[in-house]
Amino acid sequence: MKKVLLALFTVVTLGGLNFSCNLVDSKGNTADSLTVAENAPVIKFTEESFDFGKIKEGDIVEHKFVFENVGKSPLQILDVQVQCGCTVASKPDAPVGVGQKDEIIVRFNSLGKAGVNKKFVTITSNAVPTQAVLSFTAEVLAKGTPDSLQAALSKMKKILK
């Protein structure tokens, strides 16, 4: 009885290994995931970073990150995550068709953010790859600081680095 159970266990185990080896290629991808990846949407941004330049503290600035679906199926933006409460990003609600363009609108509130700021926005979608990261920079001039003094302070910071 033990020999029969051992033989049955061995046959089932070896059969399972053989079946799984046939579904996985040399890179560890399954045959189904390869097909999905080939037909997946692909998001392509016209730019992935933007510089607002010098702005005054308290200014609210906005930038539109334009993208195109260069894949083979509709693109759905699932989530947009921002780094802190000073940044808000909006995403399209409807799927973006193949060859169509849309935009992610990013707003930055500079109140209380004097100095150089670099922020990141993470986009999650059904595209391959599933995440994209956008960034922006802004040099926020402190309230009540004359532009010439702020410029001098910026130069001093660069010299001290």
C-alpha atoms as a PDB file:
ATOM      1  CA  MET A   1       0.000   0.000   0.000  1.00  0.00           C
ATOM      2  CA  LYS A   2       2.856   2.405   0.849  1.00  0.00           C
ATOM      3  CA  LYS A   3       4.534   1.676  -2.490  1.00  0.00           C
ATOM      4  CA  VAL A   4       1.326   2.390  -4.391  1.00  0.00           C
ATOM      5  CA  LEU A   5       0.818   5.724  -2.591  1.00  0.00           C
ATOM      6  CA  LEU A   6       4.478   6.674  -3.110  1.00  0.00           C
ATOM      7  CA  ALA A   7       4.262   5.818  -6.818  1.00  0.00           C
ATOM      8  CA  LEU A   8       1.024   7.807  -7.191  1.00  0.00           C
ATOM      9  CA  PHE A   9       2.524  10.797  -5.356  1.00  0.00           C
ATOM     10  CA  THR A  10       5.615  10.705  -7.585  1.00  0.00           C
ATOM     11  CA  VAL A  11       3.567  10.535 -10.791  1.00  0.00           C
ATOM     12  CA  VAL A  12       1.353  13.464  -9.714  1.00  0.00           C
ATOM     13  CA  THR A  13       4.354  15.577  -8.631  1.00  0.00           C
ATOM     14  CA  LEU A  14       6.354  14.950 -11.806  1.00  0.00           C
ATOM     15  CA  GLY A  15       3.303  15.526 -13.968  1.00  0.00           C
ATOM     16  CA  GLY A  16       2.646  18.834 -12.225  1.00  0.00           C
ATOM     17  CA  LEU A  17       6.240  19.970 -12.682  1.00  0.00           C
ATOM     18  CA  ASN A  18       6.161  19.057 -16.361  1.00  0.00           C
ATOM     19  CA  PHE A  19       2.894  20.961 -16.869  1.00  0.00           C
ATOM     20  CA  SER A  20       4.205  24.083 -15.119  1.00  0.00           C
ATOM     21  CA  CYS A  21       7.478  23.992 -17.072  1.00  0.00           C
ATOM     22  CA  ASN A  22       5.550  24.057 -20.341  1.00  0.00           C
ATOM     23  CA  LEU A  23       3.673  27.229 -19.291  1.00  0.00           C
ATOM     24  CA  VAL A  24       6.729  29.207 -18.165  1.00  0.00           C
ATOM     25  CA  ASP A  25       9.340  30.588 -20.537  1.00  0.00           C
ATOM     26  CA  SER A  26      13.017  31.175 -19.727  1.00  0.00           C
ATOM     27  CA  LYS A  27      12.258  34.607 -18.212  1.00  0.00           C
ATOM     28  CA  GLY A  28       9.629  33.234 -15.853  1.00  0.00           C
ATOM     29  CA  ASN A  29       6.668  34.612 -17.814  1.00  0.00           C
ATOM     30  CA  THR A  30       3.648  32.479 -18.429  1.00  0.00           C
ATOM     31  CA  ALA A  31       2.354  32.080 -21.953  1.00  0.00           C
ATOM     32  CA  ASP A  32      -0.852  33.936 -21.031  1.00  0.00           C
ATOM     33  CA  SER A  33       0.990  36.905 -19.513  1.00  0.00           C
ATOM     34  CA  LEU A  34       3.094  37.241 -22.664  1.00  0.00           C
ATOM     35  CA  THR A  35      -0.039  37.507 -24.776  1.00  0.00           C
ATOM     36  CA  VAL A  36      -1.533  40.058 -22.398  1.00  0.00           C
ATOM     37  CA  ALA A  37       1.684  42.127 -22.407  1.00  0.00           C
ATOM     38  CA  GLU A  38       1.785  42.199 -26.213  1.00  0.00           C
ATOM     39  CA  ASN A  39      -1.775  43.524 -26.374  1.00  0.00           C
ATOM     40  CA  ALA A  40      -1.572  45.824 -23.339  1.00  0.00           C
ATOM     41  CA  PRO A  41      -1.883  49.586 -23.410  1.00  0.00           C
ATOM     42  CA  VAL A  42       1.361  51.572 -23.229  1.00  0.00           C
ATOM     43  CA  ILE A  43       1.453  55.079 -21.778  1.00  0.00           C
ATOM     44  CA  LYS A  44       3.890  57.575 -23.331  1.00  0.00           C
ATOM     45  CA  PHE A  45       4.260  61.043 -21.787  1.00  0.00           C
ATOM     46  CA  THR A  46       5.478  63.986 -23.860  1.00  0.00           C
ATOM     47  CA  GLU A  47       7.496  64.960 -20.755  1.00  0.00           C
ATOM     48  CA  GLU A  48       7.948  63.270 -17.393  1.00  0.00           C
ATOM     49  CA  SER A  49       9.345  66.265 -15.497  1.00  0.00           C
ATOM     50  CA  PHE A  50       8.567  69.977 -15.445  1.00  0.00           C
ATOM     51  CA  ASP A  51      10.215  73.040 -13.881  1.00  0.00           C
ATOM     52  CA  PHE A  52       7.904  75.824 -12.706  1.00  0.00           C
ATOM     53  CA  GLY A  53      10.946  78.040 -12.185  1.00  0.00           C
ATOM     54  CA  LYS A  54      10.747  80.773  -9.556  1.00  0.00           C
ATOM     55  CA  ILE A  55       7.341  81.404  -8.035  1.00  0.00           C
ATOM     56  CA  LYS A  56       6.195  83.450  -5.048  1.00  0.00           C
ATOM     57  CA  GLU A  57       5.171  81.717  -1.839  1.00  0.00           C
ATOM     58  CA  GLY A  58       1.403  81.285  -1.829  1.00  0.00           C
ATOM     59  CA  ASP A  59       1.131  80.954  -5.602  1.00  0.00           C
ATOM     60  CA  ILE A  60      -0.823  77.992  -6.914  1.00  0.00           C
ATOM     61  CA  VAL A  61       0.634  76.750 -10.177  1.00  0.00           C
ATOM     62  CA  GLU A  62      -0.619  74.095 -12.576  1.00  0.00           C
ATOM     63  CA  HIS A  63       0.888  71.930 -15.296  1.00  0.00           C
ATOM     64  CA  LYS A  64      -0.674  69.477 -17.740  1.00  0.00           C
ATOM     65  CA  PHE A  65       1.345  66.305 -18.347  1.00  0.00           C
ATOM     66  CA  VAL A  66       0.123  65.124 -21.756  1.00  0.00           C
ATOM     67  CA  PHE A  67       0.273  61.423 -22.596  1.00  0.00           C
ATOM     68  CA  GLU A  68      -0.699  59.120 -25.433  1.00  0.00           C
ATOM     69  CA  ASN A  69      -1.812  55.506 -25.428  1.00  0.00           C
ATOM     70  CA  VAL A  70       0.654  53.913 -27.867  1.00  0.00           C
ATOM     71  CA  GLY A  71      -0.387  50.364 -26.949  1.00  0.00           C
ATOM     72  CA  LYS A  72      -2.886  47.979 -28.494  1.00  0.00           C
ATOM     73  CA  SER A  73      -5.838  48.252 -26.092  1.00  0.00           C
ATOM     74  CA  PRO A  74      -7.665  50.986 -24.105  1.00  0.00           C
ATOM     75  CA  LEU A  75      -5.687  52.617 -21.291  1.00  0.00           C
ATOM     76  CA  GLN A  76      -7.292  53.138 -17.885  1.00  0.00           C
ATOM     77  CA  ILE A  77      -5.619  55.403 -15.325  1.00  0.00           C
ATOM     78  CA  LEU A  78      -6.441  53.603 -12.081  1.00  0.00           C
ATOM     79  CA  ASP A  79      -4.818  55.875  -9.487  1.00  0.00           C
ATOM     80  CA  VAL A  80      -2.742  59.017  -9.119  1.00  0.00           C
ATOM     81  CA  GLN A  81      -0.733  59.404  -5.900  1.00  0.00           C
ATOM     82  CA  VAL A  82       0.938  62.656  -4.824  1.00  0.00           C
ATOM     83  CA  GLN A  83       3.735  63.118  -2.343  1.00  0.00           C
ATOM     84  CA  CYS A  84       2.133  65.593   0.052  1.00  0.00           C
ATOM     85  CA  GLY A  85      -0.913  67.773   0.648  1.00  0.00           C
ATOM     86  CA  CYS A  86       0.626  70.674  -1.268  1.00  0.00           C
ATOM     87  CA  THR A  87       0.083  68.810  -4.550  1.00  0.00           C
ATOM     88  CA  VAL A  88      -3.172  67.726  -6.181  1.00  0.00           C
ATOM     89  CA  ALA A  89      -3.420  65.695  -9.373  1.00  0.00           C
ATOM     90  CA  SER A  90      -6.438  64.857 -11.497  1.00  0.00           C
ATOM     91  CA  LYS A  91      -6.780  61.950 -13.889  1.00  0.00           C
ATOM     92  CA  PRO A  92      -9.092  61.155 -16.781  1.00  0.00           C
ATOM     93  CA  ASP A  93     -12.181  59.217 -15.727  1.00  0.00           C
ATOM     94  CA  ALA A  94     -12.810  57.511 -19.054  1.00  0.00           C
ATOM     95  CA  PRO A  95     -10.481  54.994 -20.738  1.00  0.00           C
ATOM     96  CA  VAL A  96      -8.055  56.438 -23.301  1.00  0.00           C
ATOM     97  CA  GLY A  97      -8.355  54.685 -26.647  1.00  0.00           C
ATOM     98  CA  VAL A  98      -5.478  53.420 -28.762  1.00  0.00           C
ATOM     99  CA  GLY A  99      -3.663  56.377 -30.344  1.00  0.00           C
ATOM    100  CA  GLN A 100      -5.596  58.914 -28.268  1.00  0.00           C
ATOM    101  CA  LYS A 101      -4.102  61.598 -26.017  1.00  0.00           C
ATOM    102  CA  ASP A 102      -5.192  62.854 -22.607  1.00  0.00           C
ATOM    103  CA  GLU A 103      -3.600  64.598 -19.626  1.00  0.00           C
ATOM    104  CA  ILE A 104      -2.788  64.433 -15.948  1.00  0.00           C
ATOM    105  CA  ILE A 105      -3.246  67.878 -14.386  1.00  0.00           C
ATOM    106  CA  VAL A 106      -0.956  68.634 -11.435  1.00  0.00           C
ATOM    107  CA  ARG A 107      -1.471  71.642  -9.129  1.00  0.00           C
ATOM    108  CA  PHE A 108       1.107  72.801  -6.582  1.00  0.00           C
ATOM    109  CA  ASN A 109       0.255  75.127  -3.673  1.00  0.00           C
ATOM    110  CA  SER A 110       3.472  76.870  -2.629  1.00  0.00           C
ATOM    111  CA  LEU A 111       2.152  78.278   0.662  1.00  0.00           C
ATOM    112  CA  GLY A 112       4.673  77.399   3.379  1.00  0.00           C
ATOM    113  CA  LYS A 113       7.036  75.772   0.861  1.00  0.00           C
ATOM    114  CA  ALA A 114       9.799  78.416   0.573  1.00  0.00           C
ATOM    115  CA  GLY A 115      12.963  77.113  -1.088  1.00  0.00           C
ATOM    116  CA  VAL A 116      13.579  74.565  -3.800  1.00  0.00           C
ATOM    117  CA  ASN A 117      10.870  71.907  -4.048  1.00  0.00           C
ATOM    118  CA  LYS A 118      10.955  68.666  -6.031  1.00  0.00           C
ATOM    119  CA  LYS A 119       7.763  66.620  -5.940  1.00  0.00           C
ATOM    120  CA  PHE A 120       6.745  63.292  -7.465  1.00  0.00           C
ATOM    121  CA  VAL A 121       3.414  62.008  -8.798  1.00  0.00           C
ATOM    122  CA  THR A 122       2.942  58.245  -9.241  1.00  0.00           C
ATOM    123  CA  ILE A 123       0.531  57.097 -11.941  1.00  0.00           C
ATOM    124  CA  THR A 124      -0.930  53.576 -11.731  1.00  0.00           C
ATOM    125  CA  SER A 125      -2.671  52.182 -14.808  1.00  0.00           C
ATOM    126  CA  ASN A 126      -3.419  49.001 -16.697  1.00  0.00           C
ATOM    127  CA  ALA A 127      -0.455  49.747 -18.991  1.00  0.00           C
ATOM    128  CA  VAL A 128       2.836  47.903 -19.219  1.00  0.00           C
ATOM    129  CA  PRO A 129       4.629  48.882 -17.015  1.00  0.00           C
ATOM    130  CA  THR A 130       1.837  49.498 -14.512  1.00  0.00           C
ATOM    131  CA  GLN A 131       3.436  52.559 -12.868  1.00  0.00           C
ATOM    132  CA  ALA A 132       4.919  55.779 -14.187  1.00  0.00           C
ATOM    133  CA  VAL A 133       6.456  58.569 -12.113  1.00  0.00           C
ATOM    134  CA  LEU A 134       6.165  62.243 -13.014  1.00  0.00           C
ATOM    135  CA  SER A 135       8.056  65.014 -11.247  1.00  0.00           C
ATOM    136  CA  PHE A 136       8.189  68.772 -11.011  1.00  0.00           C
ATOM    137  CA  THR A 137      10.406  71.357  -9.394  1.00  0.00           C
ATOM    138  CA  ALA A 138       9.727  74.886  -8.206  1.00  0.00           C
ATOM    139  CA  GLU A 139      11.861  77.466  -6.465  1.00  0.00           C
ATOM    140  CA  VAL A 140       9.503  79.182  -4.057  1.00  0.00           C
ATOM    141  CA  LEU A 141      10.518  82.723  -3.074  1.00  0.00           C
ATOM    142  CA  ALA A 142       9.621  83.396   0.564  1.00  0.00           C
ATOM    143  CA  LYS A 143       6.946  85.975   1.353  1.00  0.00           C
ATOM    144  CA  GLY A 144       8.305  89.448   2.051  1.00  0.00           C
ATOM    145  CA  THR A 145      11.700  88.632   0.586  1.00  0.00           C
ATOM    146  CA  PRO A 146      12.707  90.947  -2.268  1.00  0.00           C
ATOM    147  CA  ASP A 147      13.579  89.114  -5.466  1.00  0.00           C
ATOM    148  CA  SER A 148      17.133  90.506  -5.473  1.00  0.00           C
ATOM    149  CA  LEU A 149      17.765  89.242  -1.926  1.00  0.00           C
ATOM    150  CA  GLN A 150      16.277  85.861  -2.802  1.00  0.00           C
ATOM    151  CA  ALA A 151      18.546  85.671  -5.878  1.00  0.00           C
ATOM    152  CA  ALA A 152      21.572  86.470  -3.722  1.00  0.00           C
ATOM    153  CA  LEU A 153      20.574  83.763  -1.226  1.00  0.00           C
ATOM    154  CA  SER A 154      20.200  81.233  -4.049  1.00  0.00           C
ATOM    155  CA  LYS A 155      23.678  82.071  -5.340  1.00  0.00           C
ATOM    156  CA  MET A 156      25.132  81.698  -1.829  1.00  0.00           C
ATOM    157  CA  LYS A 157      23.529  78.265  -1.463  1.00  0.00           C
ATOM    158  CA  LYS A 158      25.070  77.147  -4.759  1.00  0.00           C
ATOM    159  CA  ILE A 159      28.503  78.419  -3.745  1.00  0.00           C
ATOM    160  CA  LEU A 160      28.326  76.652  -0.376  1.00  0.00           C
ATOM    161  CA  LYS A 161      27.451  73.291  -1.939  1.00  0.00           C
END
